[in-house]
């Protein structure tokens, strides 16, 4: 079984998120999503989410491509998650291209960047709603 992991906040879940999750799942058989906790989002990213971690987790668990949701508590846990969950492929959106290449030397996982859905983003949704 080929295991895949991706990371994100997934606030205001939209079709761009679904596209990313679907394409991530296509890279293997089992998809783990590391979901940023509220504390991590606020303390390390200065980002406030509309939905709480528990609500965002509930939404992700309802998506058919997602097999397991785990908490992301900090930037540095990726290598240990890859080892703990026996991950073969680490997947992120291409806006992160190159930033996680080091994981290929620190772990046995392949790093793969997927194109984002260009016309949609949570940031844009939030801006549009504030107009």
N, C-alpha and C. Protein backbone atom coordinates (compact mmCIF):
# COMPACT_ATOMS: atom_id res chain seq x y z
N UNK A 1 0.85 -1.19 0.00
CA UNK A 1 0.00 0.00 0.00
C UNK A 1 0.88 1.24 0.00
N UNK A 2 0.63 2.14 -0.93
CA UNK A 2 1.38 3.39 -1.02
C UNK A 2 0.65 4.46 -0.22
N UNK A 3 1.37 5.07 0.72
CA UNK A 3 0.79 6.06 1.62
C UNK A 3 1.28 7.47 1.27
N UNK A 4 0.33 8.40 1.28
CA UNK A 4 0.57 9.79 0.88
C UNK A 4 0.20 10.69 2.05
N UNK A 5 0.92 11.80 2.21
CA UNK A 5 0.56 12.79 3.22
C UNK A 5 0.57 14.18 2.59
N UNK A 6 -0.35 15.02 3.05
CA UNK A 6 -0.34 16.43 2.70
C UNK A 6 -0.68 17.24 3.94
N UNK A 7 -0.41 18.52 3.89
CA UNK A 7 -0.60 19.42 5.04
C UNK A 7 -1.40 20.63 4.62
N UNK A 8 -2.17 21.17 5.54
CA UNK A 8 -2.88 22.40 5.24
C UNK A 8 -3.83 22.82 6.34
N UNK A 9 -4.41 23.99 6.15
CA UNK A 9 -5.38 24.55 7.08
C UNK A 9 -6.79 24.17 6.69
N UNK A 10 -7.08 24.15 5.39
CA UNK A 10 -8.37 23.74 4.85
C UNK A 10 -9.54 24.47 5.52
N UNK A 11 -9.38 25.79 5.71
CA UNK A 11 -10.47 26.61 6.24
C UNK A 11 -11.37 26.99 5.06
N UNK A 12 -12.64 27.13 5.30
CA UNK A 12 -13.61 27.44 4.25
C UNK A 12 -13.42 26.47 3.08
N UNK A 13 -13.53 25.19 3.36
CA UNK A 13 -13.31 24.13 2.39
C UNK A 13 -14.03 24.44 1.08
N UNK A 14 -13.28 24.38 -0.03
CA UNK A 14 -13.83 24.72 -1.35
C UNK A 14 -13.32 23.75 -2.41
N UNK A 15 -13.78 23.92 -3.64
CA UNK A 15 -13.45 22.96 -4.69
C UNK A 15 -11.96 22.90 -5.01
N UNK A 16 -11.22 23.96 -4.75
CA UNK A 16 -9.76 23.91 -4.93
C UNK A 16 -9.14 22.92 -3.95
N UNK A 17 -9.63 22.93 -2.70
CA UNK A 17 -9.16 21.96 -1.72
C UNK A 17 -9.50 20.53 -2.17
N UNK A 18 -10.72 20.35 -2.64
CA UNK A 18 -11.16 19.02 -3.08
C UNK A 18 -10.29 18.54 -4.24
N UNK A 19 -10.00 19.42 -5.21
CA UNK A 19 -9.12 19.07 -6.33
C UNK A 19 -7.74 18.62 -5.82
N UNK A 20 -7.19 19.35 -4.86
CA UNK A 20 -5.88 19.01 -4.32
C UNK A 20 -5.93 17.65 -3.62
N UNK A 21 -6.96 17.43 -2.81
CA UNK A 21 -7.08 16.16 -2.09
C UNK A 21 -7.26 14.99 -3.06
N UNK A 22 -8.04 15.20 -4.10
CA UNK A 22 -8.25 14.14 -5.09
C UNK A 22 -6.93 13.79 -5.79
N UNK A 23 -6.19 14.81 -6.22
CA UNK A 23 -4.93 14.57 -6.91
C UNK A 23 -3.87 13.99 -5.97
N UNK A 24 -3.92 14.38 -4.69
CA UNK A 24 -3.01 13.79 -3.70
C UNK A 24 -3.31 12.30 -3.54
N UNK A 25 -4.58 11.96 -3.44
CA UNK A 25 -4.98 10.56 -3.27
C UNK A 25 -4.58 9.74 -4.50
N UNK A 26 -4.59 10.34 -5.67
CA UNK A 26 -4.20 9.64 -6.90
C UNK A 26 -2.72 9.23 -6.89
N UNK A 27 -1.93 9.81 -5.98
CA UNK A 27 -0.52 9.48 -5.88
C UNK A 27 -0.28 8.18 -5.10
N UNK A 28 -1.34 7.64 -4.49
CA UNK A 28 -1.19 6.42 -3.70
C UNK A 28 -2.52 5.79 -3.37
N UNK A 29 -2.50 4.99 -2.31
CA UNK A 29 -3.69 4.23 -1.89
C UNK A 29 -4.33 4.77 -0.62
N UNK A 30 -3.57 5.48 0.19
CA UNK A 30 -4.03 5.90 1.51
C UNK A 30 -3.56 7.33 1.73
N UNK A 31 -4.49 8.25 1.99
CA UNK A 31 -4.15 9.67 2.15
C UNK A 31 -4.30 10.12 3.59
N UNK A 32 -3.21 10.60 4.16
CA UNK A 32 -3.18 11.22 5.48
C UNK A 32 -3.15 12.73 5.27
N UNK A 33 -4.04 13.43 5.96
CA UNK A 33 -4.04 14.90 5.91
C UNK A 33 -3.65 15.41 7.29
N UNK A 34 -2.54 16.15 7.34
CA UNK A 34 -2.12 16.80 8.57
C UNK A 34 -2.76 18.19 8.58
N UNK A 35 -3.71 18.38 9.47
CA UNK A 35 -4.52 19.59 9.54
C UNK A 35 -3.96 20.54 10.59
N UNK A 36 -3.64 21.75 10.18
CA UNK A 36 -3.09 22.75 11.10
C UNK A 36 -4.06 23.02 12.24
N UNK A 37 -3.55 22.94 13.46
CA UNK A 37 -4.40 23.24 14.62
C UNK A 37 -4.64 24.75 14.71
N UNK A 38 -5.62 25.14 15.47
CA UNK A 38 -5.92 26.56 15.67
C UNK A 38 -4.72 27.28 16.29
N UNK A 39 -4.08 26.62 17.26
CA UNK A 39 -2.93 27.22 17.95
C UNK A 39 -1.77 27.42 16.99
N UNK A 40 -1.48 26.42 16.17
CA UNK A 40 -0.40 26.54 15.19
C UNK A 40 -0.70 27.66 14.20
N UNK A 41 -1.93 27.70 13.71
CA UNK A 41 -2.31 28.75 12.76
C UNK A 41 -2.11 30.13 13.35
N UNK A 42 -2.51 30.32 14.60
CA UNK A 42 -2.43 31.64 15.20
C UNK A 42 -1.01 31.99 15.65
N UNK A 43 -0.38 31.07 16.39
CA UNK A 43 0.92 31.37 16.99
C UNK A 43 2.07 31.41 15.98
N UNK A 44 2.02 30.55 14.96
CA UNK A 44 3.16 30.47 14.04
C UNK A 44 2.87 31.04 12.65
N UNK A 45 1.59 31.17 12.30
CA UNK A 45 1.25 31.70 10.98
C UNK A 45 0.50 33.03 11.06
N UNK A 46 0.12 33.45 12.27
CA UNK A 46 -0.68 34.67 12.47
C UNK A 46 -1.95 34.63 11.61
N UNK A 47 -2.56 33.46 11.55
CA UNK A 47 -3.74 33.24 10.74
C UNK A 47 -4.89 32.79 11.64
N UNK A 48 -6.02 33.49 11.55
CA UNK A 48 -7.21 33.11 12.30
C UNK A 48 -8.16 32.40 11.35
N UNK A 49 -8.63 31.23 11.77
CA UNK A 49 -9.53 30.45 10.94
C UNK A 49 -10.98 30.79 11.26
N UNK A 50 -11.83 30.65 10.27
CA UNK A 50 -13.25 30.82 10.47
C UNK A 50 -13.81 29.63 11.23
N UNK A 51 -13.44 28.42 10.80
CA UNK A 51 -13.90 27.20 11.46
C UNK A 51 -12.82 26.69 12.41
N UNK A 52 -13.24 26.12 13.52
CA UNK A 52 -12.31 25.55 14.50
C UNK A 52 -11.65 24.31 13.92
N UNK A 53 -10.57 23.89 14.56
CA UNK A 53 -9.88 22.67 14.15
C UNK A 53 -10.85 21.50 14.08
N UNK A 54 -11.67 21.32 15.11
CA UNK A 54 -12.60 20.18 15.14
C UNK A 54 -13.59 20.21 13.99
N UNK A 55 -14.09 21.39 13.64
CA UNK A 55 -15.03 21.50 12.51
C UNK A 55 -14.32 21.23 11.19
N UNK A 56 -13.10 21.77 11.04
CA UNK A 56 -12.35 21.54 9.81
C UNK A 56 -11.99 20.06 9.67
N UNK A 57 -11.67 19.42 10.79
CA UNK A 57 -11.37 17.98 10.79
C UNK A 57 -12.61 17.19 10.38
N UNK A 58 -13.75 17.55 10.91
CA UNK A 58 -15.00 16.89 10.56
C UNK A 58 -15.30 17.00 9.06
N UNK A 59 -15.08 18.18 8.50
CA UNK A 59 -15.28 18.38 7.07
C UNK A 59 -14.33 17.50 6.25
N UNK A 60 -13.06 17.48 6.62
CA UNK A 60 -12.09 16.67 5.87
C UNK A 60 -12.40 15.18 5.97
N UNK A 61 -12.83 14.74 7.13
CA UNK A 61 -13.15 13.32 7.30
C UNK A 61 -14.34 12.90 6.45
N UNK A 62 -15.15 13.84 6.02
CA UNK A 62 -16.30 13.55 5.17
C UNK A 62 -15.93 13.48 3.69
N UNK A 63 -14.71 13.89 3.36
CA UNK A 63 -14.25 13.86 1.96
C UNK A 63 -13.76 12.45 1.64
N UNK A 64 -14.28 11.87 0.58
CA UNK A 64 -13.99 10.46 0.28
C UNK A 64 -12.52 10.17 -0.03
N UNK A 65 -11.75 11.15 -0.39
CA UNK A 65 -10.34 10.93 -0.71
C UNK A 65 -9.46 10.83 0.54
N UNK A 66 -9.96 11.30 1.68
CA UNK A 66 -9.18 11.39 2.91
C UNK A 66 -9.39 10.13 3.75
N UNK A 67 -8.28 9.49 4.13
CA UNK A 67 -8.37 8.28 4.95
C UNK A 67 -8.11 8.56 6.43
N UNK A 68 -7.28 9.55 6.73
CA UNK A 68 -6.94 9.85 8.12
C UNK A 68 -6.58 11.32 8.24
N UNK A 69 -7.07 11.97 9.31
CA UNK A 69 -6.72 13.36 9.60
C UNK A 69 -5.96 13.36 10.92
N UNK A 70 -4.78 13.99 10.91
CA UNK A 70 -3.97 14.12 12.12
C UNK A 70 -3.70 15.61 12.35
N UNK A 71 -3.38 16.01 13.58
CA UNK A 71 -3.08 17.42 13.83
C UNK A 71 -1.68 17.82 13.38
N UNK A 72 -1.59 19.01 12.81
CA UNK A 72 -0.29 19.63 12.54
C UNK A 72 -0.07 20.68 13.61
N UNK A 73 0.92 20.45 14.47
CA UNK A 73 1.18 21.34 15.60
C UNK A 73 2.35 22.28 15.38
N UNK A 74 3.14 22.05 14.33
CA UNK A 74 4.30 22.89 14.09
C UNK A 74 4.97 22.56 12.77
N UNK A 75 5.85 23.47 12.33
CA UNK A 75 6.52 23.32 11.04
C UNK A 75 7.44 22.10 11.01
N UNK A 76 8.01 21.75 12.15
CA UNK A 76 9.10 20.76 12.16
C UNK A 76 8.65 19.30 12.27
N UNK A 77 7.37 19.03 12.30
CA UNK A 77 6.93 17.65 12.53
C UNK A 77 6.87 16.79 11.27
N UNK A 78 7.11 17.36 10.11
CA UNK A 78 6.90 16.63 8.86
C UNK A 78 7.73 15.35 8.75
N UNK A 79 9.02 15.42 9.04
CA UNK A 79 9.88 14.23 8.94
C UNK A 79 9.41 13.15 9.91
N UNK A 80 9.06 13.53 11.12
CA UNK A 80 8.61 12.52 12.08
C UNK A 80 7.25 11.93 11.68
N UNK A 81 6.37 12.74 11.08
CA UNK A 81 5.08 12.21 10.59
C UNK A 81 5.32 11.19 9.48
N UNK A 82 6.24 11.50 8.58
CA UNK A 82 6.54 10.60 7.47
C UNK A 82 7.00 9.25 8.01
N UNK A 83 7.85 9.28 9.03
CA UNK A 83 8.33 8.04 9.62
C UNK A 83 7.23 7.32 10.39
N UNK A 84 6.50 8.05 11.22
CA UNK A 84 5.46 7.43 12.06
C UNK A 84 4.34 6.79 11.26
N UNK A 85 3.94 7.44 10.17
CA UNK A 85 2.81 6.95 9.37
C UNK A 85 3.25 6.18 8.13
N UNK A 86 4.56 5.87 8.03
CA UNK A 86 5.10 5.06 6.94
C UNK A 86 4.71 5.63 5.57
N UNK A 87 4.99 6.93 5.40
CA UNK A 87 4.60 7.67 4.21
C UNK A 87 5.59 7.43 3.07
N UNK A 88 5.04 7.21 1.88
CA UNK A 88 5.85 7.04 0.68
C UNK A 88 5.98 8.33 -0.13
N UNK A 89 4.91 9.16 -0.11
CA UNK A 89 4.89 10.37 -0.93
C UNK A 89 4.36 11.54 -0.10
N UNK A 90 5.12 12.61 -0.09
CA UNK A 90 4.75 13.87 0.56
C UNK A 90 4.27 14.81 -0.54
N UNK A 91 3.05 15.31 -0.42
CA UNK A 91 2.45 16.14 -1.47
C UNK A 91 2.06 17.51 -0.90
N UNK A 92 2.39 18.56 -1.65
CA UNK A 92 1.97 19.92 -1.31
C UNK A 92 1.60 20.64 -2.59
N UNK A 93 0.89 21.76 -2.44
CA UNK A 93 0.59 22.62 -3.58
C UNK A 93 1.87 23.23 -4.12
N UNK A 94 1.86 23.56 -5.41
CA UNK A 94 3.08 24.06 -6.05
C UNK A 94 3.49 25.46 -5.60
N UNK A 95 2.65 26.13 -4.82
CA UNK A 95 3.08 27.40 -4.25
C UNK A 95 4.18 27.17 -3.19
N UNK A 96 4.38 25.92 -2.78
CA UNK A 96 5.43 25.55 -1.83
C UNK A 96 6.62 24.90 -2.55
N UNK A 97 6.66 24.93 -3.87
CA UNK A 97 7.68 24.22 -4.65
C UNK A 97 9.09 24.50 -4.13
N UNK A 98 9.82 23.42 -3.88
CA UNK A 98 11.20 23.50 -3.42
C UNK A 98 11.38 23.60 -1.92
N UNK A 99 10.36 24.02 -1.20
CA UNK A 99 10.50 24.28 0.24
C UNK A 99 10.63 23.01 1.08
N UNK A 100 10.18 21.89 0.54
CA UNK A 100 10.23 20.65 1.32
C UNK A 100 11.09 19.58 0.66
N UNK A 101 11.92 19.95 -0.29
CA UNK A 101 12.78 18.99 -0.97
C UNK A 101 13.72 18.28 0.01
N UNK A 102 14.09 18.95 1.10
CA UNK A 102 14.99 18.36 2.09
C UNK A 102 14.43 17.07 2.68
N UNK A 103 13.11 16.88 2.62
CA UNK A 103 12.50 15.67 3.18
C UNK A 103 12.93 14.41 2.41
N UNK A 104 13.33 14.57 1.16
CA UNK A 104 13.79 13.42 0.38
C UNK A 104 15.12 12.89 0.89
N UNK A 105 15.93 13.74 1.53
CA UNK A 105 17.20 13.27 2.10
C UNK A 105 17.04 12.88 3.56
N UNK A 106 16.07 13.49 4.27
CA UNK A 106 15.86 13.17 5.68
C UNK A 106 14.96 11.96 5.91
N UNK A 107 14.20 11.57 4.87
CA UNK A 107 13.26 10.46 5.00
C UNK A 107 13.32 9.60 3.74
N UNK A 108 12.49 8.58 3.70
CA UNK A 108 12.41 7.74 2.50
C UNK A 108 11.30 8.19 1.56
N UNK A 109 10.62 9.27 1.87
CA UNK A 109 9.48 9.73 1.07
C UNK A 109 9.93 10.52 -0.16
N UNK A 110 9.14 10.39 -1.21
CA UNK A 110 9.28 11.21 -2.40
C UNK A 110 8.48 12.50 -2.17
N UNK A 111 9.01 13.63 -2.59
CA UNK A 111 8.33 14.92 -2.45
C UNK A 111 7.76 15.30 -3.81
N UNK A 112 6.48 15.68 -3.81
CA UNK A 112 5.77 15.97 -5.06
C UNK A 112 4.92 17.21 -4.86
N UNK A 113 5.00 18.16 -5.80
CA UNK A 113 4.22 19.40 -5.72
C UNK A 113 3.13 19.37 -6.80
N UNK A 114 1.90 19.60 -6.38
CA UNK A 114 0.76 19.58 -7.30
C UNK A 114 0.33 21.00 -7.64
N UNK A 115 -0.10 21.23 -8.89
CA UNK A 115 -0.61 22.56 -9.25
C UNK A 115 -1.87 22.90 -8.46
N UNK A 116 -1.96 24.12 -8.04
CA UNK A 116 -3.16 24.62 -7.37
C UNK A 116 -4.25 24.86 -8.40
N UNK A 117 -5.50 24.92 -7.94
CA UNK A 117 -6.60 25.34 -8.79
C UNK A 117 -6.50 26.86 -8.84
N UNK A 118 -6.14 27.44 -9.99
CA UNK A 118 -5.72 28.85 -10.03
C UNK A 118 -6.78 29.88 -9.68
N UNK A 119 -8.03 29.62 -9.96
CA UNK A 119 -9.04 30.68 -9.80
C UNK A 119 -9.70 30.73 -8.42
N UNK A 120 -9.22 29.89 -7.48
CA UNK A 120 -9.88 29.84 -6.16
C UNK A 120 -8.83 29.76 -5.06
N UNK A 121 -9.09 30.50 -3.97
CA UNK A 121 -8.26 30.40 -2.77
C UNK A 121 -9.07 30.89 -1.59
N UNK A 122 -8.76 30.37 -0.42
CA UNK A 122 -9.45 30.81 0.79
C UNK A 122 -9.19 32.29 1.03
N UNK A 123 -7.97 32.74 0.77
CA UNK A 123 -7.63 34.16 0.95
C UNK A 123 -8.51 35.03 0.06
N UNK A 124 -8.70 34.62 -1.19
CA UNK A 124 -9.54 35.39 -2.10
C UNK A 124 -11.00 35.39 -1.65
N UNK A 125 -11.48 34.25 -1.20
CA UNK A 125 -12.87 34.17 -0.70
C UNK A 125 -13.07 35.15 0.44
N UNK A 126 -12.12 35.17 1.39
CA UNK A 126 -12.23 36.08 2.54
C UNK A 126 -12.21 37.54 2.09
N UNK A 127 -11.34 37.87 1.12
CA UNK A 127 -11.30 39.24 0.59
C UNK A 127 -12.62 39.60 -0.08
N UNK A 128 -13.13 38.69 -0.91
CA UNK A 128 -14.38 38.97 -1.63
C UNK A 128 -15.55 39.16 -0.66
N UNK A 129 -15.59 38.41 0.42
CA UNK A 129 -16.67 38.53 1.39
C UNK A 129 -16.60 39.84 2.17
N UNK A 130 -15.42 40.43 2.25
CA UNK A 130 -15.27 41.69 2.97
C UNK A 130 -15.55 42.93 2.13
N UNK A 131 -15.88 42.72 0.85
CA UNK A 131 -16.15 43.87 -0.04
C UNK A 131 -17.50 44.47 0.25
